[in-house]
């Protein structure tokens, strides 16, 4: 499937001289702070959204929380993309309707994964149908299709074939979390016609190395959220135990000022 419309501002970020580094937020404050640091776009982390609500990640349990977060982020002046797990449904039309609602809230893109709550992979044809339905309903929405072959350690040899089918269905980008082997990354970028997104891990290739391999988008996933939780626990226990707090927190005024960052969404620029 081909699209004749002009690329959006968010789509153009995937074709820069350097890969798009996408930090993932879990609420308005974290997104606004990251945008204020000059990040060109913000993603969401489904783990952060789910854990904040006391719900499991990857279990299709957070559709309302995901929509609510998108509406809050849509009040900001930054580009953002939303992690929708598997689309929260196996009905392509329901997934397309969710995508339409997210776009109306201000989202420039979505992630949609073929991993399922039972740690199996969705049938290729079903996932392709979801992608096609979303692109038919919201052509301007950047659909970053995620295959969990490496994330789940299942059918890794099918990665390229799955992504080829998803490309034909209209995917705008391909995301393969869990893939870190440089040779396999290079081989995949050679077969793809859409930008490849890799999940950064501190033990994996450096940003410069991923760029050299042809990666066009690098996501931080739940890394920031997990670090934020660790910092909160460390600060609380250090205070309890009479130890020095290593890092100075943001001031009350700095956090209050985040509301002033609201503006006109830049999605259509």
C-alpha atoms as a PDB file:
ATOM      1  CA  UNK A   1       0.000   0.000   0.000  1.00  0.00           C
ATOM      2  CA  UNK A   2       1.335   3.431  -0.902  1.00  0.00           C
ATOM      3  CA  UNK A   3       0.351   6.854   0.369  1.00  0.00           C
ATOM      4  CA  UNK A   4       0.523   9.958  -1.801  1.00  0.00           C
ATOM      5  CA  UNK A   5      -0.037  12.492   0.954  1.00  0.00           C
ATOM      6  CA  UNK A   6       2.836  14.715   2.067  1.00  0.00           C
ATOM      7  CA  UNK A   7       4.765  13.433   5.100  1.00  0.00           C
ATOM      8  CA  UNK A   8       3.823  14.968   8.424  1.00  0.00           C
ATOM      9  CA  UNK A   9       6.272  16.748  10.702  1.00  0.00           C
ATOM     10  CA  UNK A  10       6.511  13.591  12.792  1.00  0.00           C
ATOM     11  CA  UNK A  11       7.146  11.385   9.755  1.00  0.00           C
ATOM     12  CA  UNK A  12       9.905  13.714   8.588  1.00  0.00           C
ATOM     13  CA  UNK A  13      11.741  13.216  11.886  1.00  0.00           C
ATOM     14  CA  UNK A  14      12.466   9.651  10.741  1.00  0.00           C
ATOM     15  CA  UNK A  15      14.503  10.872   7.775  1.00  0.00           C
ATOM     16  CA  UNK A  16      16.964  13.252   9.422  1.00  0.00           C
ATOM     17  CA  UNK A  17      20.750  13.077   9.378  1.00  0.00           C
ATOM     18  CA  UNK A  18      20.677  11.552  12.862  1.00  0.00           C
ATOM     19  CA  UNK A  19      18.122   9.051  14.203  1.00  0.00           C
ATOM     20  CA  UNK A  20      15.116  10.286  16.158  1.00  0.00           C
ATOM     21  CA  UNK A  21      15.783   9.654  19.858  1.00  0.00           C
ATOM     22  CA  UNK A  22      12.361   9.159  21.384  1.00  0.00           C
ATOM     23  CA  UNK A  23      12.054   9.366  25.186  1.00  0.00           C
ATOM     24  CA  UNK A  24       8.907   7.798  26.637  1.00  0.00           C
ATOM     25  CA  UNK A  25       6.715   9.628  29.142  1.00  0.00           C
ATOM     26  CA  UNK A  26       3.977   8.337  31.429  1.00  0.00           C
ATOM     27  CA  UNK A  27       2.121  11.565  32.281  1.00  0.00           C
ATOM     28  CA  UNK A  28       1.878  15.185  31.209  1.00  0.00           C
ATOM     29  CA  UNK A  29       4.631  16.378  33.552  1.00  0.00           C
ATOM     30  CA  UNK A  30       7.227  13.892  32.307  1.00  0.00           C
ATOM     31  CA  UNK A  31       6.317  14.621  28.674  1.00  0.00           C
ATOM     32  CA  UNK A  32       6.477  18.389  29.124  1.00  0.00           C
ATOM     33  CA  UNK A  33       9.818  18.214  30.924  1.00  0.00           C
ATOM     34  CA  UNK A  34      11.301  16.109  28.141  1.00  0.00           C
ATOM     35  CA  UNK A  35       9.938  18.417  25.463  1.00  0.00           C
ATOM     36  CA  UNK A  36      11.427  21.383  27.319  1.00  0.00           C
ATOM     37  CA  UNK A  37      14.832  19.689  27.058  1.00  0.00           C
ATOM     38  CA  UNK A  38      14.628  19.871  23.287  1.00  0.00           C
ATOM     39  CA  UNK A  39      13.503  16.367  22.380  1.00  0.00           C
ATOM     40  CA  UNK A  40      11.771  16.604  19.019  1.00  0.00           C
ATOM     41  CA  UNK A  41       8.939  14.237  19.928  1.00  0.00           C
ATOM     42  CA  UNK A  42       7.752  12.256  22.925  1.00  0.00           C
ATOM     43  CA  UNK A  43       6.499   8.692  23.119  1.00  0.00           C
ATOM     44  CA  UNK A  44       4.440   7.062  25.842  1.00  0.00           C
ATOM     45  CA  UNK A  45       5.346   3.927  27.761  1.00  0.00           C
ATOM     46  CA  UNK A  46       2.556   1.392  28.157  1.00  0.00           C
ATOM     47  CA  UNK A  47       4.275  -0.017  31.249  1.00  0.00           C
ATOM     48  CA  UNK A  48       4.298   3.426  32.865  1.00  0.00           C
ATOM     49  CA  UNK A  49       0.660   4.072  31.976  1.00  0.00           C
ATOM     50  CA  UNK A  50      -0.420   0.666  33.281  1.00  0.00           C
ATOM     51  CA  UNK A  51       1.668   0.661  36.459  1.00  0.00           C
ATOM     52  CA  UNK A  52       0.550   4.195  37.344  1.00  0.00           C
ATOM     53  CA  UNK A  53      -3.032   2.931  37.208  1.00  0.00           C
ATOM     54  CA  UNK A  54      -2.230  -0.262  39.136  1.00  0.00           C
ATOM     55  CA  UNK A  55      -2.895  -2.411  36.068  1.00  0.00           C
ATOM     56  CA  UNK A  56      -0.758  -4.954  34.171  1.00  0.00           C
ATOM     57  CA  UNK A  57       1.038  -3.975  30.990  1.00  0.00           C
ATOM     58  CA  UNK A  58       0.334  -5.800  27.737  1.00  0.00           C
ATOM     59  CA  UNK A  59      -3.008  -7.129  28.927  1.00  0.00           C
ATOM     60  CA  UNK A  60      -5.301  -4.773  26.973  1.00  0.00           C
ATOM     61  CA  UNK A  61      -6.442  -3.301  30.293  1.00  0.00           C
ATOM     62  CA  UNK A  62      -5.576   0.377  29.852  1.00  0.00           C
ATOM     63  CA  UNK A  63      -7.494   1.690  26.863  1.00  0.00           C
ATOM     64  CA  UNK A  64      -9.237   4.416  28.884  1.00  0.00           C
ATOM     65  CA  UNK A  65      -6.014   5.419  30.650  1.00  0.00           C
ATOM     66  CA  UNK A  66      -4.240   5.586  27.294  1.00  0.00           C
ATOM     67  CA  UNK A  67      -6.937   7.821  25.802  1.00  0.00           C
ATOM     68  CA  UNK A  68      -6.941  10.048  28.878  1.00  0.00           C
ATOM     69  CA  UNK A  69      -3.175  10.474  28.678  1.00  0.00           C
ATOM     70  CA  UNK A  70      -3.370  11.323  24.963  1.00  0.00           C
ATOM     71  CA  UNK A  71      -5.927  14.021  25.710  1.00  0.00           C
ATOM     72  CA  UNK A  72      -3.648  15.523  28.347  1.00  0.00           C
ATOM     73  CA  UNK A  73      -0.599  15.386  26.086  1.00  0.00           C
ATOM     74  CA  UNK A  74      -2.655  16.987  23.327  1.00  0.00           C
ATOM     75  CA  UNK A  75      -2.789  20.133  25.436  1.00  0.00           C
ATOM     76  CA  UNK A  76       0.959  20.556  24.962  1.00  0.00           C
ATOM     77  CA  UNK A  77       2.874  22.097  22.093  1.00  0.00           C
ATOM     78  CA  UNK A  78       4.984  19.006  21.381  1.00  0.00           C
ATOM     79  CA  UNK A  79       4.656  16.098  18.970  1.00  0.00           C
ATOM     80  CA  UNK A  80       3.820  12.787  20.586  1.00  0.00           C
ATOM     81  CA  UNK A  81       3.147   9.169  19.696  1.00  0.00           C
ATOM     82  CA  UNK A  82       1.147   6.685  21.756  1.00  0.00           C
ATOM     83  CA  UNK A  83       1.897   3.073  22.678  1.00  0.00           C
ATOM     84  CA  UNK A  84      -1.368   1.196  22.118  1.00  0.00           C
ATOM     85  CA  UNK A  85      -0.113  -2.331  22.947  1.00  0.00           C
ATOM     86  CA  UNK A  86      -1.932  -4.525  20.387  1.00  0.00           C
ATOM     87  CA  UNK A  87      -4.611  -1.943  19.748  1.00  0.00           C
ATOM     88  CA  UNK A  88      -6.659  -3.156  22.748  1.00  0.00           C
ATOM     89  CA  UNK A  89      -8.767  -5.318  20.432  1.00  0.00           C
ATOM     90  CA  UNK A  90      -8.570  -8.029  17.773  1.00  0.00           C
ATOM     91  CA  UNK A  91     -11.298  -6.288  15.756  1.00  0.00           C
ATOM     92  CA  UNK A  92      -9.532  -4.139  13.137  1.00  0.00           C
ATOM     93  CA  UNK A  93     -12.410  -1.656  13.033  1.00  0.00           C
ATOM     94  CA  UNK A  94     -12.273  -1.179  16.808  1.00  0.00           C
ATOM     95  CA  UNK A  95      -8.527  -0.601  16.555  1.00  0.00           C
ATOM     96  CA  UNK A  96      -9.129   1.932  13.779  1.00  0.00           C
ATOM     97  CA  UNK A  97     -11.683   3.758  15.905  1.00  0.00           C
ATOM     98  CA  UNK A  98      -9.206   3.948  18.779  1.00  0.00           C
ATOM     99  CA  UNK A  99      -6.600   5.326  16.383  1.00  0.00           C
ATOM    100  CA  UNK A 100      -9.059   7.961  15.192  1.00  0.00           C
ATOM    101  CA  UNK A 101      -9.761   9.022  18.776  1.00  0.00           C
ATOM    102  CA  UNK A 102      -6.052   9.235  19.558  1.00  0.00           C
ATOM    103  CA  UNK A 103      -5.448  11.330  16.443  1.00  0.00           C
ATOM    104  CA  UNK A 104      -8.317  13.630  17.383  1.00  0.00           C
ATOM    105  CA  UNK A 105      -6.689  14.018  20.818  1.00  0.00           C
ATOM    106  CA  UNK A 106      -3.503  15.240  19.119  1.00  0.00           C
ATOM    107  CA  UNK A 107      -1.365  12.132  18.631  1.00  0.00           C
ATOM    108  CA  UNK A 108       0.986  12.193  15.653  1.00  0.00           C
ATOM    109  CA  UNK A 109       1.556   8.447  15.710  1.00  0.00           C
ATOM    110  CA  UNK A 110       0.919   5.132  17.433  1.00  0.00           C
ATOM    111  CA  UNK A 111       2.787   1.920  18.163  1.00  0.00           C
ATOM    112  CA  UNK A 112       0.874  -1.293  17.674  1.00  0.00           C
ATOM    113  CA  UNK A 113       2.417  -4.663  18.553  1.00  0.00           C
ATOM    114  CA  UNK A 114       1.805  -8.235  17.472  1.00  0.00           C
ATOM    115  CA  UNK A 115       2.733  -9.698  20.854  1.00  0.00           C
ATOM    116  CA  UNK A 116      -0.230 -10.977  22.859  1.00  0.00           C
ATOM    117  CA  UNK A 117      -0.962 -11.138  26.599  1.00  0.00           C
ATOM    118  CA  UNK A 118      -0.298 -14.899  26.603  1.00  0.00           C
ATOM    119  CA  UNK A 119       3.210 -14.293  25.172  1.00  0.00           C
ATOM    120  CA  UNK A 120       2.304 -15.630  21.731  1.00  0.00           C
ATOM    121  CA  UNK A 121       2.393 -13.720  18.457  1.00  0.00           C
ATOM    122  CA  UNK A 122      -0.769 -12.614  16.702  1.00  0.00           C
ATOM    123  CA  UNK A 123      -1.409 -14.111  13.277  1.00  0.00           C
ATOM    124  CA  UNK A 124       0.366 -12.034  10.642  1.00  0.00           C
ATOM    125  CA  UNK A 125      -2.829 -11.530   8.637  1.00  0.00           C
ATOM    126  CA  UNK A 126      -4.754 -10.234  11.658  1.00  0.00           C
ATOM    127  CA  UNK A 127      -2.076  -7.724  12.581  1.00  0.00           C
ATOM    128  CA  UNK A 128      -1.834  -6.588   8.967  1.00  0.00           C
ATOM    129  CA  UNK A 129      -5.600  -6.081   8.927  1.00  0.00           C
ATOM    130  CA  UNK A 130      -5.341  -3.817  11.968  1.00  0.00           C
ATOM    131  CA  UNK A 131      -2.659  -1.739  10.276  1.00  0.00           C
ATOM    132  CA  UNK A 132      -4.653  -1.431   7.059  1.00  0.00           C
ATOM    133  CA  UNK A 133      -7.795  -0.411   8.965  1.00  0.00           C
ATOM    134  CA  UNK A 134      -5.923   2.282  10.891  1.00  0.00           C
ATOM    135  CA  UNK A 135      -4.302   3.733   7.773  1.00  0.00           C
ATOM    136  CA  UNK A 136      -7.653   3.739   5.958  1.00  0.00           C
ATOM    137  CA  UNK A 137      -9.312   5.552   8.859  1.00  0.00           C
ATOM    138  CA  UNK A 138      -6.495   7.989   9.712  1.00  0.00           C
ATOM    139  CA  UNK A 139      -4.008   8.249   6.821  1.00  0.00           C
ATOM    140  CA  UNK A 140      -1.965  11.001   8.499  1.00  0.00           C
ATOM    141  CA  UNK A 141      -1.299   8.949  11.639  1.00  0.00           C
ATOM    142  CA  UNK A 142       2.219   7.482  11.705  1.00  0.00           C
ATOM    143  CA  UNK A 143       1.797   3.756  12.389  1.00  0.00           C
ATOM    144  CA  UNK A 144       4.941   2.279  13.907  1.00  0.00           C
ATOM    145  CA  UNK A 145       4.300  -1.446  13.768  1.00  0.00           C
ATOM    146  CA  UNK A 146       6.038  -3.538  16.388  1.00  0.00           C
ATOM    147  CA  UNK A 147       6.853  -7.198  16.044  1.00  0.00           C
ATOM    148  CA  UNK A 148       7.683  -9.035  19.263  1.00  0.00           C
ATOM    149  CA  UNK A 149       9.632 -11.892  17.731  1.00  0.00           C
ATOM    150  CA  UNK A 150      12.793 -10.916  19.595  1.00  0.00           C
ATOM    151  CA  UNK A 151      11.033  -9.462  22.637  1.00  0.00           C
ATOM    152  CA  UNK A 152       9.273 -12.774  23.276  1.00  0.00           C
ATOM    153  CA  UNK A 153      12.038 -14.947  21.841  1.00  0.00           C
ATOM    154  CA  UNK A 154       9.597 -16.530  19.397  1.00  0.00           C
ATOM    155  CA  UNK A 155       9.922 -17.094  15.661  1.00  0.00           C
ATOM    156  CA  UNK A 156      12.857 -14.712  15.326  1.00  0.00           C
ATOM    157  CA  UNK A 157      13.528 -16.092  11.860  1.00  0.00           C
ATOM    158  CA  UNK A 158      10.110 -14.751  10.793  1.00  0.00           C
ATOM    159  CA  UNK A 159      10.912 -11.134  11.673  1.00  0.00           C
ATOM    160  CA  UNK A 160      11.685  -9.920   8.155  1.00  0.00           C
ATOM    161  CA  UNK A 161       8.712 -11.761   6.653  1.00  0.00           C
ATOM    162  CA  UNK A 162       6.315 -10.356   9.221  1.00  0.00           C
ATOM    163  CA  UNK A 163       7.577  -6.827   8.705  1.00  0.00           C
ATOM    164  CA  UNK A 164       7.300  -7.181   4.920  1.00  0.00           C
ATOM    165  CA  UNK A 165       3.613  -8.055   5.287  1.00  0.00           C
ATOM    166  CA  UNK A 166       3.092  -5.143   7.682  1.00  0.00           C
ATOM    167  CA  UNK A 167       4.803  -2.776   5.231  1.00  0.00           C
ATOM    168  CA  UNK A 168       2.441  -3.923   2.493  1.00  0.00           C
ATOM    169  CA  UNK A 169      -0.492  -3.246   4.828  1.00  0.00           C
ATOM    170  CA  UNK A 170       0.620   0.378   5.168  1.00  0.00           C
ATOM    171  CA  UNK A 171       2.973   0.541   8.163  1.00  0.00           C
ATOM    172  CA  UNK A 172       5.041   3.733   8.288  1.00  0.00           C
ATOM    173  CA  UNK A 173       7.768   2.364  10.566  1.00  0.00           C
ATOM    174  CA  UNK A 174       8.987  -0.948  11.995  1.00  0.00           C
ATOM    175  CA  UNK A 175       9.861  -1.535  15.653  1.00  0.00           C
ATOM    176  CA  UNK A 176      11.776  -4.619  16.816  1.00  0.00           C
ATOM    177  CA  UNK A 177      12.346  -4.401  20.583  1.00  0.00           C
ATOM    178  CA  UNK A 178      14.791  -6.934  21.957  1.00  0.00           C
ATOM    179  CA  UNK A 179      16.911  -6.944  18.793  1.00  0.00           C
ATOM    180  CA  UNK A 180      20.453  -5.817  19.635  1.00  0.00           C
ATOM    181  CA  UNK A 181      22.804  -7.904  17.493  1.00  0.00           C
ATOM    182  CA  UNK A 182      24.513  -5.471  15.057  1.00  0.00           C
ATOM    183  CA  UNK A 183      24.666  -7.924  12.158  1.00  0.00           C
ATOM    184  CA  UNK A 184      20.973  -8.757  12.439  1.00  0.00           C
ATOM    185  CA  UNK A 185      20.044  -5.082  12.709  1.00  0.00           C
ATOM    186  CA  UNK A 186      22.061  -4.290   9.568  1.00  0.00           C
ATOM    187  CA  UNK A 187      20.474  -7.187   7.704  1.00  0.00           C
ATOM    188  CA  UNK A 188      17.001  -5.989   8.651  1.00  0.00           C
ATOM    189  CA  UNK A 189      17.576  -2.380   7.610  1.00  0.00           C
ATOM    190  CA  UNK A 190      18.722  -3.712   4.230  1.00  0.00           C
ATOM    191  CA  UNK A 191      15.359  -5.398   3.654  1.00  0.00           C
ATOM    192  CA  UNK A 192      13.039  -2.694   4.987  1.00  0.00           C
ATOM    193  CA  UNK A 193      11.615   0.194   3.014  1.00  0.00           C
ATOM    194  CA  UNK A 194      10.321   1.961   6.151  1.00  0.00           C
ATOM    195  CA  UNK A 195      12.431   3.361   9.030  1.00  0.00           C
ATOM    196  CA  UNK A 196      13.623   0.843  11.612  1.00  0.00           C
ATOM    197  CA  UNK A 197      13.040   1.577  15.303  1.00  0.00           C
ATOM    198  CA  UNK A 198      15.197  -0.137  17.936  1.00  0.00           C
ATOM    199  CA  UNK A 199      14.723  -0.140  21.706  1.00  0.00           C
ATOM    200  CA  UNK A 200      17.785   1.302  23.431  1.00  0.00           C
ATOM    201  CA  UNK A 201      19.255  -0.678  26.299  1.00  0.00           C
ATOM    202  CA  UNK A 202      22.292   0.355  28.363  1.00  0.00           C
ATOM    203  CA  UNK A 203      23.931  -2.999  27.553  1.00  0.00           C
ATOM    204  CA  UNK A 204      23.229  -2.821  23.815  1.00  0.00           C
ATOM    205  CA  UNK A 205      24.774  -0.829  20.952  1.00  0.00           C
ATOM    206  CA  UNK A 206      25.467   2.872  21.538  1.00  0.00           C
ATOM    207  CA  UNK A 207      23.383   5.503  19.761  1.00  0.00           C
ATOM    208  CA  UNK A 208      26.151   6.241  17.258  1.00  0.00           C
ATOM    209  CA  UNK A 209      26.512   2.551  16.445  1.00  0.00           C
ATOM    210  CA  UNK A 210      22.759   2.178  15.875  1.00  0.00           C
ATOM    211  CA  UNK A 211      22.874   5.151  13.523  1.00  0.00           C
ATOM    212  CA  UNK A 212      25.703   3.567  11.549  1.00  0.00           C
ATOM    213  CA  UNK A 213      23.650   0.384  11.229  1.00  0.00           C
ATOM    214  CA  UNK A 214      20.838   2.339   9.564  1.00  0.00           C
ATOM    215  CA  UNK A 215      18.454   2.638  12.511  1.00  0.00           C
ATOM    216  CA  UNK A 216      16.232   5.712  12.090  1.00  0.00           C
ATOM    217  CA  UNK A 217      14.420   5.819  15.449  1.00  0.00           C
ATOM    218  CA  UNK A 218      15.641   4.857  18.916  1.00  0.00           C
ATOM    219  CA  UNK A 219      13.125   4.487  21.744  1.00  0.00           C
ATOM    220  CA  UNK A 220      13.851   4.494  25.453  1.00  0.00           C
ATOM    221  CA  UNK A 221      10.749   2.464  26.319  1.00  0.00           C
ATOM    222  CA  UNK A 222      10.061   2.139  30.038  1.00  0.00           C
ATOM    223  CA  UNK A 223      13.661   2.990  31.008  1.00  0.00           C
ATOM    224  CA  UNK A 224      12.878   6.516  32.223  1.00  0.00           C
ATOM    225  CA  UNK A 225       9.826   5.415  34.193  1.00  0.00           C
ATOM    226  CA  UNK A 226      11.711   2.608  35.902  1.00  0.00           C
ATOM    227  CA  UNK A 227      14.579   4.984  36.720  1.00  0.00           C
ATOM    228  CA  UNK A 228      12.115   7.521  38.125  1.00  0.00           C
ATOM    229  CA  UNK A 229      10.609   4.891  40.425  1.00  0.00           C
ATOM    230  CA  UNK A 230      14.075   3.821  41.536  1.00  0.00           C
ATOM    231  CA  UNK A 231      15.018   7.446  42.258  1.00  0.00           C
ATOM    232  CA  UNK A 232      11.866   7.952  44.344  1.00  0.00           C
ATOM    233  CA  UNK A 233      12.594   4.856  46.437  1.00  0.00           C
ATOM    234  CA  UNK A 234      16.263   5.795  46.815  1.00  0.00           C
ATOM    235  CA  UNK A 235      15.377   9.319  47.988  1.00  0.00           C
ATOM    236  CA  UNK A 236      12.782   8.074  50.478  1.00  0.00           C
ATOM    237  CA  UNK A 237      15.001   5.386  51.963  1.00  0.00           C
ATOM    238  CA  UNK A 238      18.036   7.688  52.108  1.00  0.00           C
ATOM    239  CA  UNK A 239      15.980  10.241  54.024  1.00  0.00           C
ATOM    240  CA  UNK A 240      14.684   7.558  56.390  1.00  0.00           C
ATOM    241  CA  UNK A 241      18.191   6.198  56.959  1.00  0.00           C
ATOM    242  CA  UNK A 242      19.825   9.585  57.495  1.00  0.00           C
ATOM    243  CA  UNK A 243      21.861   9.427  54.288  1.00  0.00           C
ATOM    244  CA  UNK A 244      22.482  12.345  51.923  1.00  0.00           C
ATOM    245  CA  UNK A 245      20.167  12.718  48.936  1.00  0.00           C
ATOM    246  CA  UNK A 246      22.439  12.497  45.929  1.00  0.00           C
ATOM    247  CA  UNK A 247      20.430  14.474  43.392  1.00  0.00           C
ATOM    248  CA  UNK A 248      18.749  17.855  43.820  1.00  0.00           C
ATOM    249  CA  UNK A 249      15.058  17.637  42.911  1.00  0.00           C
ATOM    250  CA  UNK A 250      13.177  20.011  40.675  1.00  0.00           C
ATOM    251  CA  UNK A 251      11.776  22.934  42.602  1.00  0.00           C
ATOM    252  CA  UNK A 252       8.085  23.362  43.314  1.00  0.00           C
ATOM    253  CA  UNK A 253       8.055  26.390  41.009  1.00  0.00           C
ATOM    254  CA  UNK A 254       9.670  24.449  38.158  1.00  0.00           C
ATOM    255  CA  UNK A 255       7.005  21.780  38.309  1.00  0.00           C
ATOM    256  CA  UNK A 256       4.223  24.363  38.597  1.00  0.00           C
ATOM    257  CA  UNK A 257       5.583  26.085  35.488  1.00  0.00           C
ATOM    258  CA  UNK A 258       4.941  22.984  33.361  1.00  0.00           C
ATOM    259  CA  UNK A 259       1.333  24.066  32.883  1.00  0.00           C
ATOM    260  CA  UNK A 260       2.623  27.125  31.049  1.00  0.00           C
ATOM    261  CA  UNK A 261       4.097  24.860  28.374  1.00  0.00           C
ATOM    262  CA  UNK A 262       0.608  24.124  27.049  1.00  0.00           C
ATOM    263  CA  UNK A 263      -0.027  25.553  23.613  1.00  0.00           C
ATOM    264  CA  UNK A 264      -1.267  24.674  20.156  1.00  0.00           C
ATOM    265  CA  UNK A 265      -0.447  21.078  19.173  1.00  0.00           C
ATOM    266  CA  UNK A 266       2.163  20.887  16.400  1.00  0.00           C
ATOM    267  CA  UNK A 267       1.007  17.586  14.898  1.00  0.00           C
ATOM    268  CA  UNK A 268       0.018  18.971  11.486  1.00  0.00           C
ATOM    269  CA  UNK A 269       3.078  21.157  10.907  1.00  0.00           C
END
